[in-house]
């Protein structure tokens, strides 16, 4: 069973390939998703890495949490499940109502 990891505090210059290459040193990387801004394409400073086994994921956490990558100490831990955002709900009317 694959385990998804959160990788934070990344330098904005780090690429997805660099993150994947780093984590491949401790095991097989199933996927690597560097989160980027949809308008500028610039990294948001975090990524999600999915390792092929729980043992490899635990090894990656132990080895790379507080590891220095591109001049910054990165944070690596197990990713939490994504929250349900209720996409269909209205946020309300933002214009002021005049009675």
PDB file of N, CA and C in Angstrom:
ATOM      1  N   UNK A   1       0.844  -1.190   0.000  1.00  0.00           N
ATOM      2  CA  UNK A   1       0.000   0.000   0.000  1.00  0.00           C
ATOM      3  C   UNK A   1       0.880   1.242   0.000  1.00  0.00           C
ATOM      4  N   UNK A   2       0.608   2.145  -0.908  1.00  0.00           N
ATOM      5  CA  UNK A   2       1.398   3.366  -1.016  1.00  0.00           C
ATOM      6  C   UNK A   2       0.983   4.361   0.061  1.00  0.00           C
ATOM      7  N   UNK A   3       1.948   5.149   0.502  1.00  0.00           N
ATOM      8  CA  UNK A   3       1.693   6.188   1.496  1.00  0.00           C
ATOM      9  C   UNK A   3       2.072   7.527   0.895  1.00  0.00           C
ATOM     10  N   UNK A   4       1.182   8.509   1.044  1.00  0.00           N
ATOM     11  CA  UNK A   4       1.422   9.839   0.497  1.00  0.00           C
ATOM     12  C   UNK A   4       2.079  10.708   1.560  1.00  0.00           C
ATOM     13  N   UNK A   5       3.118  11.431   1.130  1.00  0.00           N
ATOM     14  CA  UNK A   5       3.864  12.310   2.023  1.00  0.00           C
ATOM     15  C   UNK A   5       3.669  13.765   1.614  1.00  0.00           C
ATOM     16  N   UNK A   6       3.640  14.645   2.614  1.00  0.00           N
ATOM     17  CA  UNK A   6       3.637  16.079   2.390  1.00  0.00           C
ATOM     18  C   UNK A   6       5.079  16.555   2.510  1.00  0.00           C
ATOM     19  N   UNK A   7       5.529  17.340   1.542  1.00  0.00           N
ATOM     20  CA  UNK A   7       6.876  17.904   1.554  1.00  0.00           C
ATOM     21  C   UNK A   7       6.716  19.418   1.502  1.00  0.00           C
ATOM     22  N   UNK A   8       7.080  20.101   2.591  1.00  0.00           N
ATOM     23  CA  UNK A   8       6.874  21.539   2.676  1.00  0.00           C
ATOM     24  C   UNK A   8       8.164  22.310   2.865  1.00  0.00           C
ATOM     25  N   UNK A   9       8.047  23.615   2.859  1.00  0.00           N
ATOM     26  CA  UNK A   9       9.161  24.558   2.991  1.00  0.00           C
ATOM     27  C   UNK A   9      10.171  24.425   1.863  1.00  0.00           C
ATOM     28  N   UNK A  10       9.672  24.090   0.679  1.00  0.00           N
ATOM     29  CA  UNK A  10      10.552  23.992  -0.488  1.00  0.00           C
ATOM     30  C   UNK A  10      10.877  25.379  -1.016  1.00  0.00           C
ATOM     31  N   UNK A  11      12.080  25.524  -1.515  1.00  0.00           N
ATOM     32  CA  UNK A  11      12.468  26.744  -2.207  1.00  0.00           C
ATOM     33  C   UNK A  11      11.620  26.855  -3.475  1.00  0.00           C
ATOM     34  N   UNK A  12      11.270  28.073  -3.866  1.00  0.00           N
ATOM     35  CA  UNK A  12      10.449  28.248  -5.065  1.00  0.00           C
ATOM     36  C   UNK A  12      11.169  27.819  -6.339  1.00  0.00           C
ATOM     37  N   UNK A  13      12.497  27.687  -6.274  1.00  0.00           N
ATOM     38  CA  UNK A  13      13.264  27.268  -7.435  1.00  0.00           C
ATOM     39  C   UNK A  13      13.373  25.757  -7.604  1.00  0.00           C
ATOM     40  N   UNK A  14      12.920  24.991  -6.629  1.00  0.00           N
ATOM     41  CA  UNK A  14      13.006  23.526  -6.698  1.00  0.00           C
ATOM     42  C   UNK A  14      11.976  23.009  -7.691  1.00  0.00           C
ATOM     43  N   UNK A  15      12.387  22.029  -8.494  1.00  0.00           N
ATOM     44  CA  UNK A  15      11.486  21.436  -9.491  1.00  0.00           C
ATOM     45  C   UNK A  15      10.941  20.105  -8.987  1.00  0.00           C
ATOM     46  N   UNK A  16       9.894  19.649  -9.620  1.00  0.00           N
ATOM     47  CA  UNK A  16       9.322  18.349  -9.291  1.00  0.00           C
ATOM     48  C   UNK A  16      10.313  17.223  -9.535  1.00  0.00           C
ATOM     49  N   UNK A  17      11.129  17.368 -10.569  1.00  0.00           N
ATOM     50  CA  UNK A  17      12.134  16.350 -10.874  1.00  0.00           C
ATOM     51  C   UNK A  17      13.176  16.254  -9.758  1.00  0.00           C
ATOM     52  N   UNK A  18      13.549  17.396  -9.172  1.00  0.00           N
ATOM     53  CA  UNK A  18      14.509  17.380  -8.063  1.00  0.00           C
ATOM     54  C   UNK A  18      13.922  16.668  -6.846  1.00  0.00           C
ATOM     55  N   UNK A  19      12.666  16.930  -6.556  1.00  0.00           N
ATOM     56  CA  UNK A  19      12.005  16.296  -5.406  1.00  0.00           C
ATOM     57  C   UNK A  19      11.903  14.796  -5.654  1.00  0.00           C
ATOM     58  N   UNK A  20      11.481  14.405  -6.846  1.00  0.00           N
ATOM     59  CA  UNK A  20      11.349  12.983  -7.169  1.00  0.00           C
ATOM     60  C   UNK A  20      12.705  12.284  -7.106  1.00  0.00           C
ATOM     61  N   UNK A  21      13.748  12.917  -7.620  1.00  0.00           N
ATOM     62  CA  UNK A  21      15.086  12.341  -7.585  1.00  0.00           C
ATOM     63  C   UNK A  21      15.563  12.139  -6.147  1.00  0.00           C
ATOM     64  N   UNK A  22      15.303  13.120  -5.282  1.00  0.00           N
ATOM     65  CA  UNK A  22      15.712  13.021  -3.885  1.00  0.00           C
ATOM     66  C   UNK A  22      15.037  11.834  -3.198  1.00  0.00           C
ATOM     67  N   UNK A  23      13.725  11.709  -3.367  1.00  0.00           N
ATOM     68  CA  UNK A  23      12.989  10.655  -2.683  1.00  0.00           C
ATOM     69  C   UNK A  23      13.238   9.275  -3.287  1.00  0.00           C
ATOM     70  N   UNK A  24      13.659   9.222  -4.529  1.00  0.00           N
ATOM     71  CA  UNK A  24      13.967   7.923  -5.144  1.00  0.00           C
ATOM     72  C   UNK A  24      15.218   7.288  -4.534  1.00  0.00           C
ATOM     73  N   UNK A  25      15.980   8.062  -3.755  1.00  0.00           N
ATOM     74  CA  UNK A  25      17.168   7.514  -3.100  1.00  0.00           C
ATOM     75  C   UNK A  25      16.817   6.568  -1.953  1.00  0.00           C
ATOM     76  N   UNK A  26      15.574   6.633  -1.451  1.00  0.00           N
ATOM     77  CA  UNK A  26      15.176   5.744  -0.347  1.00  0.00           C
ATOM     78  C   UNK A  26      14.146   4.709  -0.771  1.00  0.00           C
ATOM     79  N   UNK A  27      13.673   4.774  -2.012  1.00  0.00           N
ATOM     80  CA  UNK A  27      12.694   3.786  -2.472  1.00  0.00           C
ATOM     81  C   UNK A  27      12.027   4.228  -3.759  1.00  0.00           C
ATOM     82  N   UNK A  28      11.042   3.442  -4.177  1.00  0.00           N
ATOM     83  CA  UNK A  28      10.341   3.710  -5.428  1.00  0.00           C
ATOM     84  C   UNK A  28       9.288   4.798  -5.214  1.00  0.00           C
ATOM     85  N   UNK A  29       9.362   5.835  -6.049  1.00  0.00           N
ATOM     86  CA  UNK A  29       8.400   6.932  -6.001  1.00  0.00           C
ATOM     87  C   UNK A  29       7.277   6.616  -6.981  1.00  0.00           C
ATOM     88  N   UNK A  30       6.059   6.477  -6.462  1.00  0.00           N
ATOM     89  CA  UNK A  30       4.899   6.200  -7.318  1.00  0.00           C
ATOM     90  C   UNK A  30       4.450   7.469  -8.042  1.00  0.00           C
ATOM     91  N   UNK A  31       4.457   8.597  -7.329  1.00  0.00           N
ATOM     92  CA  UNK A  31       4.081   9.864  -7.948  1.00  0.00           C
ATOM     93  C   UNK A  31       4.704  11.017  -7.174  1.00  0.00           C
ATOM     94  N   UNK A  32       4.908  12.112  -7.875  1.00  0.00           N
ATOM     95  CA  UNK A  32       5.434  13.336  -7.261  1.00  0.00           C
ATOM     96  C   UNK A  32       4.677  14.503  -7.874  1.00  0.00           C
ATOM     97  N   UNK A  33       3.991  15.267  -7.027  1.00  0.00           N
ATOM     98  CA  UNK A  33       3.171  16.375  -7.509  1.00  0.00           C
ATOM     99  C   UNK A  33       3.605  17.663  -6.826  1.00  0.00           C
ATOM    100  N   UNK A  34       4.380  18.476  -7.537  1.00  0.00           N
ATOM    101  CA  UNK A  34       4.790  19.782  -7.037  1.00  0.00           C
ATOM    102  C   UNK A  34       3.634  20.746  -7.284  1.00  0.00           C
ATOM    103  N   UNK A  35       3.153  21.391  -6.243  1.00  0.00           N
ATOM    104  CA  UNK A  35       1.999  22.278  -6.357  1.00  0.00           C
ATOM    105  C   UNK A  35       2.456  23.641  -6.866  1.00  0.00           C
ATOM    106  N   UNK A  36       1.804  24.107  -7.932  1.00  0.00           N
ATOM    107  CA  UNK A  36       2.170  25.374  -8.552  1.00  0.00           C
ATOM    108  C   UNK A  36       0.956  26.297  -8.639  1.00  0.00           C
ATOM    109  N   UNK A  37       1.229  27.593  -8.748  1.00  0.00           N
ATOM    110  CA  UNK A  37       0.190  28.585  -8.941  1.00  0.00           C
ATOM    111  C   UNK A  37      -0.383  28.417 -10.338  1.00  0.00           C
ATOM    112  N   UNK A  38      -1.709  28.389 -10.453  1.00  0.00           N
ATOM    113  CA  UNK A  38      -2.310  28.125 -11.767  1.00  0.00           C
ATOM    114  C   UNK A  38      -2.148  29.274 -12.761  1.00  0.00           C
ATOM    115  N   UNK A  39      -1.875  30.472 -12.281  1.00  0.00           N
ATOM    116  CA  UNK A  39      -1.719  31.606 -13.190  1.00  0.00           C
ATOM    117  C   UNK A  39      -0.267  31.840 -13.580  1.00  0.00           C
ATOM    118  N   UNK A  40       0.640  31.826 -12.596  1.00  0.00           N
ATOM    119  CA  UNK A  40       2.044  32.125 -12.887  1.00  0.00           C
ATOM    120  C   UNK A  40       2.869  30.875 -13.179  1.00  0.00           C
ATOM    121  N   UNK A  41       2.405  29.716 -12.702  1.00  0.00           N
ATOM    122  CA  UNK A  41       3.169  28.477 -12.879  1.00  0.00           C
ATOM    123  C   UNK A  41       4.292  28.311 -11.872  1.00  0.00           C
ATOM    124  N   UNK A  42       4.461  29.294 -10.979  1.00  0.00           N
ATOM    125  CA  UNK A  42       5.524  29.234  -9.976  1.00  0.00           C
ATOM    126  C   UNK A  42       5.131  28.274  -8.860  1.00  0.00           C
ATOM    127  N   UNK A  43       6.126  27.586  -8.325  1.00  0.00           N
ATOM    128  CA  UNK A  43       5.915  26.663  -7.213  1.00  0.00           C
ATOM    129  C   UNK A  43       5.323  27.396  -6.021  1.00  0.00           C
ATOM    130  N   UNK A  44       4.443  26.707  -5.291  1.00  0.00           N
ATOM    131  CA  UNK A  44       3.883  27.272  -4.060  1.00  0.00           C
ATOM    132  C   UNK A  44       4.703  26.863  -2.843  1.00  0.00           C
ATOM    133  N   UNK A  45       5.760  26.077  -3.051  1.00  0.00           N
ATOM    134  CA  UNK A  45       6.662  25.727  -1.955  1.00  0.00           C
ATOM    135  C   UNK A  45       6.334  24.424  -1.256  1.00  0.00           C
ATOM    136  N   UNK A  46       5.452  23.609  -1.854  1.00  0.00           N
ATOM    137  CA  UNK A  46       5.195  22.299  -1.266  1.00  0.00           C
ATOM    138  C   UNK A  46       4.821  21.298  -2.348  1.00  0.00           C
ATOM    139  N   UNK A  47       4.931  20.019  -1.977  1.00  0.00           N
ATOM    140  CA  UNK A  47       4.667  18.942  -2.925  1.00  0.00           C
ATOM    141  C   UNK A  47       4.092  17.744  -2.178  1.00  0.00           C
ATOM    142  N   UNK A  48       3.545  16.812  -2.942  1.00  0.00           N
ATOM    143  CA  UNK A  48       3.082  15.543  -2.402  1.00  0.00           C
ATOM    144  C   UNK A  48       3.832  14.442  -3.136  1.00  0.00           C
ATOM    145  N   UNK A  49       4.406  13.530  -2.358  1.00  0.00           N
ATOM    146  CA  UNK A  49       5.162  12.414  -2.910  1.00  0.00           C
ATOM    147  C   UNK A  49       4.520  11.130  -2.408  1.00  0.00           C
ATOM    148  N   UNK A  50       4.259  10.208  -3.327  1.00  0.00           N
ATOM    149  CA  UNK A  50       3.678   8.926  -2.949  1.00  0.00           C
ATOM    150  C   UNK A  50       4.738   7.843  -3.121  1.00  0.00           C
ATOM    151  N   UNK A  51       5.072   7.194  -2.014  1.00  0.00           N
ATOM    152  CA  UNK A  51       6.062   6.115  -2.019  1.00  0.00           C
ATOM    153  C   UNK A  51       5.333   4.783  -2.185  1.00  0.00           C
ATOM    154  N   UNK A  52       6.027   3.777  -2.726  1.00  0.00           N
ATOM    155  CA  UNK A  52       5.360   2.509  -3.041  1.00  0.00           C
ATOM    156  C   UNK A  52       5.011   1.682  -1.810  1.00  0.00           C
ATOM    157  N   UNK A  53       5.767   1.795  -0.731  1.00  0.00           N
ATOM    158  CA  UNK A  53       5.440   1.039   0.489  1.00  0.00           C
ATOM    159  C   UNK A  53       5.489   1.952   1.708  1.00  0.00           C
ATOM    160  N   UNK A  54       4.818   1.515   2.762  1.00  0.00           N
ATOM    161  CA  UNK A  54       4.830   2.266   4.007  1.00  0.00           C
ATOM    162  C   UNK A  54       6.234   2.335   4.602  1.00  0.00           C
ATOM    163  N   UNK A  55       7.002   1.270   4.454  1.00  0.00           N
ATOM    164  CA  UNK A  55       8.365   1.235   4.994  1.00  0.00           C
ATOM    165  C   UNK A  55       9.251   2.276   4.313  1.00  0.00           C
ATOM    166  N   UNK A  56       9.130   2.384   2.988  1.00  0.00           N
ATOM    167  CA  UNK A  56       9.906   3.387   2.257  1.00  0.00           C
ATOM    168  C   UNK A  56       9.479   4.797   2.640  1.00  0.00           C
ATOM    169  N   UNK A  57       8.184   4.988   2.850  1.00  0.00           N
ATOM    170  CA  UNK A  57       7.677   6.303   3.258  1.00  0.00           C
ATOM    171  C   UNK A  57       8.216   6.669   4.636  1.00  0.00           C
ATOM    172  N   UNK A  58       8.213   5.716   5.567  1.00  0.00           N
ATOM    173  CA  UNK A  58       8.749   5.979   6.907  1.00  0.00           C
ATOM    174  C   UNK A  58      10.240   6.295   6.850  1.00  0.00           C
ATOM    175  N   UNK A  59      10.949   5.595   5.974  1.00  0.00           N
ATOM    176  CA  UNK A  59      12.382   5.845   5.808  1.00  0.00           C
ATOM    177  C   UNK A  59      12.620   7.243   5.233  1.00  0.00           C
ATOM    178  N   UNK A  60      11.774   7.657   4.287  1.00  0.00           N
ATOM    179  CA  UNK A  60      11.900   8.990   3.690  1.00  0.00           C
ATOM    180  C   UNK A  60      11.632  10.078   4.724  1.00  0.00           C
ATOM    181  N   UNK A  61      10.633   9.866   5.585  1.00  0.00           N
ATOM    182  CA  UNK A  61      10.338  10.846   6.634  1.00  0.00           C
ATOM    183  C   UNK A  61      11.533  10.976   7.571  1.00  0.00           C
ATOM    184  N   UNK A  62      12.073   9.838   7.989  1.00  0.00           N
ATOM    185  CA  UNK A  62      13.208   9.844   8.920  1.00  0.00           C
ATOM    186  C   UNK A  62      14.439  10.508   8.306  1.00  0.00           C
ATOM    187  N   UNK A  63      14.676  10.254   7.021  1.00  0.00           N
ATOM    188  CA  UNK A  63      15.886  10.759   6.387  1.00  0.00           C
ATOM    189  C   UNK A  63      15.774  12.212   5.921  1.00  0.00           C
ATOM    190  N   UNK A  64      14.606  12.619   5.416  1.00  0.00           N
ATOM    191  CA  UNK A  64      14.500  13.918   4.754  1.00  0.00           C
ATOM    192  C   UNK A  64      13.789  15.008   5.553  1.00  0.00           C
ATOM    193  N   UNK A  65      13.175  14.683   6.684  1.00  0.00           N
ATOM    194  CA  UNK A  65      12.595  15.751   7.501  1.00  0.00           C
ATOM    195  C   UNK A  65      13.753  16.570   8.072  1.00  0.00           C
ATOM    196  N   UNK A  66      13.733  17.872   7.891  1.00  0.00           N
ATOM    197  CA  UNK A  66      14.811  18.807   8.253  1.00  0.00           C
ATOM    198  C   UNK A  66      16.050  18.661   7.379  1.00  0.00           C
ATOM    199  N   UNK A  67      15.913  18.042   6.222  1.00  0.00           N
ATOM    200  CA  UNK A  67      16.995  17.904   5.253  1.00  0.00           C
ATOM    201  C   UNK A  67      17.120  19.219   4.480  1.00  0.00           C
ATOM    202  N   UNK A  68      18.350  19.655   4.220  1.00  0.00           N
ATOM    203  CA  UNK A  68      18.544  20.900   3.482  1.00  0.00           C
ATOM    204  C   UNK A  68      18.557  20.623   1.984  1.00  0.00           C
ATOM    205  N   UNK A  69      17.621  21.278   1.277  1.00  0.00           N
ATOM    206  CA  UNK A  69      17.497  21.149  -0.171  1.00  0.00           C
ATOM    207  C   UNK A  69      17.448  22.549  -0.761  1.00  0.00           C
ATOM    208  N   UNK A  70      18.382  22.871  -1.604  1.00  0.00           N
ATOM    209  CA  UNK A  70      18.451  24.177  -2.271  1.00  0.00           C
ATOM    210  C   UNK A  70      18.457  25.325  -1.256  1.00  0.00           C
ATOM    211  N   UNK A  71      19.193  25.136  -0.159  1.00  0.00           N
ATOM    212  CA  UNK A  71      19.368  26.192   0.824  1.00  0.00           C
ATOM    213  C   UNK A  71      18.285  26.313   1.875  1.00  0.00           C
ATOM    214  N   UNK A  72      17.289  25.425   1.859  1.00  0.00           N
ATOM    215  CA  UNK A  72      16.205  25.479   2.851  1.00  0.00           C
ATOM    216  C   UNK A  72      16.004  24.113   3.487  1.00  0.00           C
ATOM    217  N   UNK A  73      15.683  24.103   4.775  1.00  0.00           N
ATOM    218  CA  UNK A  73      15.369  22.853   5.454  1.00  0.00           C
ATOM    219  C   UNK A  73      13.919  22.501   5.169  1.00  0.00           C
ATOM    220  N   UNK A  74      13.717  21.331   4.568  1.00  0.00           N
ATOM    221  CA  UNK A  74      12.371  20.923   4.180  1.00  0.00           C
ATOM    222  C   UNK A  74      11.678  20.181   5.319  1.00  0.00           C
ATOM    223  N   UNK A  75      10.369  20.151   5.259  1.00  0.00           N
ATOM    224  CA  UNK A  75       9.537  19.432   6.221  1.00  0.00           C
ATOM    225  C   UNK A  75       8.907  18.262   5.484  1.00  0.00           C
ATOM    226  N   UNK A  76       9.019  17.066   6.049  1.00  0.00           N
ATOM    227  CA  UNK A  76       8.427  15.879   5.434  1.00  0.00           C
ATOM    228  C   UNK A  76       7.626  15.147   6.502  1.00  0.00           C
ATOM    229  N   UNK A  77       6.347  14.919   6.202  1.00  0.00           N
ATOM    230  CA  UNK A  77       5.517  14.110   7.092  1.00  0.00           C
ATOM    231  C   UNK A  77       4.400  13.455   6.296  1.00  0.00           C
ATOM    232  N   UNK A  78       3.654  12.590   6.958  1.00  0.00           N
ATOM    233  CA  UNK A  78       2.561  11.898   6.280  1.00  0.00           C
ATOM    234  C   UNK A  78       1.464  12.904   5.952  1.00  0.00           C
ATOM    235  N   UNK A  79       0.969  12.844   4.714  1.00  0.00           N
ATOM    236  CA  UNK A  79      -0.077  13.777   4.280  1.00  0.00           C
ATOM    237  C   UNK A  79      -1.394  13.428   4.949  1.00  0.00           C
ATOM    238  N   UNK A  80      -2.123  14.459   5.332  1.00  0.00           N
ATOM    239  CA  UNK A  80      -3.461  14.267   5.892  1.00  0.00           C
ATOM    240  C   UNK A  80      -4.450  14.123   4.747  1.00  0.00           C
ATOM    241  N   UNK A  81      -5.588  13.453   4.980  1.00  0.00           N
ATOM    242  CA  UNK A  81      -6.604  13.345   3.923  1.00  0.00           C
ATOM    243  C   UNK A  81      -7.137  14.725   3.537  1.00  0.00           C
ATOM    244  N   UNK A  82      -7.470  14.880   2.265  1.00  0.00           N
ATOM    245  CA  UNK A  82      -7.970  16.152   1.774  1.00  0.00           C
ATOM    246  C   UNK A  82      -9.371  16.401   2.326  1.00  0.00           C
ATOM    247  N   UNK A  83      -9.616  17.634   2.743  1.00  0.00           N
ATOM    248  CA  UNK A  83     -10.915  17.995   3.285  1.00  0.00           C
ATOM    249  C   UNK A  83     -11.925  18.165   2.160  1.00  0.00           C
ATOM    250  N   UNK A  84     -13.184  17.829   2.452  1.00  0.00           N
ATOM    251  CA  UNK A  84     -14.268  18.039   1.503  1.00  0.00           C
ATOM    252  C   UNK A  84     -14.614  19.527   1.489  1.00  0.00           C
ATOM    253  N   UNK A  85     -14.598  20.138   0.319  1.00  0.00           N
ATOM    254  CA  UNK A  85     -14.758  21.591   0.240  1.00  0.00           C
ATOM    255  C   UNK A  85     -16.173  22.054  -0.102  1.00  0.00           C
ATOM    256  N   UNK A  86     -17.123  21.167  -0.325  1.00  0.00           N
ATOM    257  CA  UNK A  86     -18.499  21.555  -0.679  1.00  0.00           C
ATOM    258  C   UNK A  86     -18.519  22.541  -1.841  1.00  0.00           C
ATOM    259  N   UNK A  87     -18.098  22.092  -2.999  1.00  0.00           N
ATOM    260  CA  UNK A  87     -17.950  22.946  -4.176  1.00  0.00           C
ATOM    261  C   UNK A  87     -19.249  23.608  -4.613  1.00  0.00           C
ATOM    262  N   UNK A  88     -20.397  22.993  -4.368  1.00  0.00           N
ATOM    263  CA  UNK A  88     -21.658  23.516  -4.868  1.00  0.00           C
ATOM    264  C   UNK A  88     -22.273  24.605  -4.017  1.00  0.00           C
ATOM    265  N   UNK A  89     -21.795  24.842  -2.833  1.00  0.00           N
ATOM    266  CA  UNK A  89     -22.414  25.832  -1.961  1.00  0.00           C
ATOM    267  C   UNK A  89     -22.039  27.243  -2.363  1.00  0.00           C
ATOM    268  N   UNK A  90     -23.010  28.119  -2.238  1.00  0.00           N
ATOM    269  CA  UNK A  90     -22.790  29.531  -2.537  1.00  0.00           C
ATOM    270  C   UNK A  90     -22.114  30.198  -1.351  1.00  0.00           C
ATOM    271  N   UNK A  91     -21.270  31.162  -1.636  1.00  0.00           N
ATOM    272  CA  UNK A  91     -20.608  31.912  -0.569  1.00  0.00           C
ATOM    273  C   UNK A  91     -21.423  33.135  -0.166  1.00  0.00           C
ATOM    274  N   UNK A  92     -22.544  33.357  -0.822  1.00  0.00           N
ATOM    275  CA  UNK A  92     -23.370  34.486  -0.468  1.00  0.00           C
ATOM    276  C   UNK A  92     -23.172  35.646  -1.419  1.00  0.00           C
ATOM    277  N   UNK A  93     -23.964  36.652  -1.236  1.00  0.00           N
ATOM    278  CA  UNK A  93     -23.894  37.842  -2.073  1.00  0.00           C
ATOM    279  C   UNK A  93     -22.920  38.826  -1.416  1.00  0.00           C
ATOM    280  N   UNK A  94     -21.898  39.214  -2.151  1.00  0.00           N
ATOM    281  CA  UNK A  94     -20.869  40.084  -1.576  1.00  0.00           C
ATOM    282  C   UNK A  94     -21.216  41.572  -1.685  1.00  0.00           C
ATOM    283  N   UNK A  95     -22.215  41.894  -2.500  1.00  0.00           N
ATOM    284  CA  UNK A  95     -22.618  43.294  -2.612  1.00  0.00           C
ATOM    285  C   UNK A  95     -23.455  43.666  -1.392  1.00  0.00           C
ATOM    286  N   UNK A  96     -23.326  44.901  -0.996  1.00  0.00           N
ATOM    287  CA  UNK A  96     -24.124  45.334   0.150  1.00  0.00           C
ATOM    288  C   UNK A  96     -25.594  45.423  -0.254  1.00  0.00           C
ATOM    289  N   UNK A  97     -26.446  45.003   0.644  1.00  0.00           N
ATOM    290  CA  UNK A  97     -27.879  45.042   0.372  1.00  0.00           C
ATOM    291  C   UNK A  97     -28.441  46.342   0.902  1.00  0.00           C
ATOM    292  N   UNK A  98     -29.188  47.008   0.067  1.00  0.00           N
ATOM    293  CA  UNK A  98     -29.838  48.244   0.481  1.00  0.00           C
ATOM    294  C   UNK A  98     -31.330  48.002   0.539  1.00  0.00           C
ATOM    295  N   UNK A  99     -31.906  48.270   1.655  1.00  0.00           N
ATOM    296  CA  UNK A  99     -33.339  48.027   1.839  1.00  0.00           C
ATOM    297  C   UNK A  99     -34.106  49.237   1.640  1.00  0.00           C
TER     298      UNK A  99
END
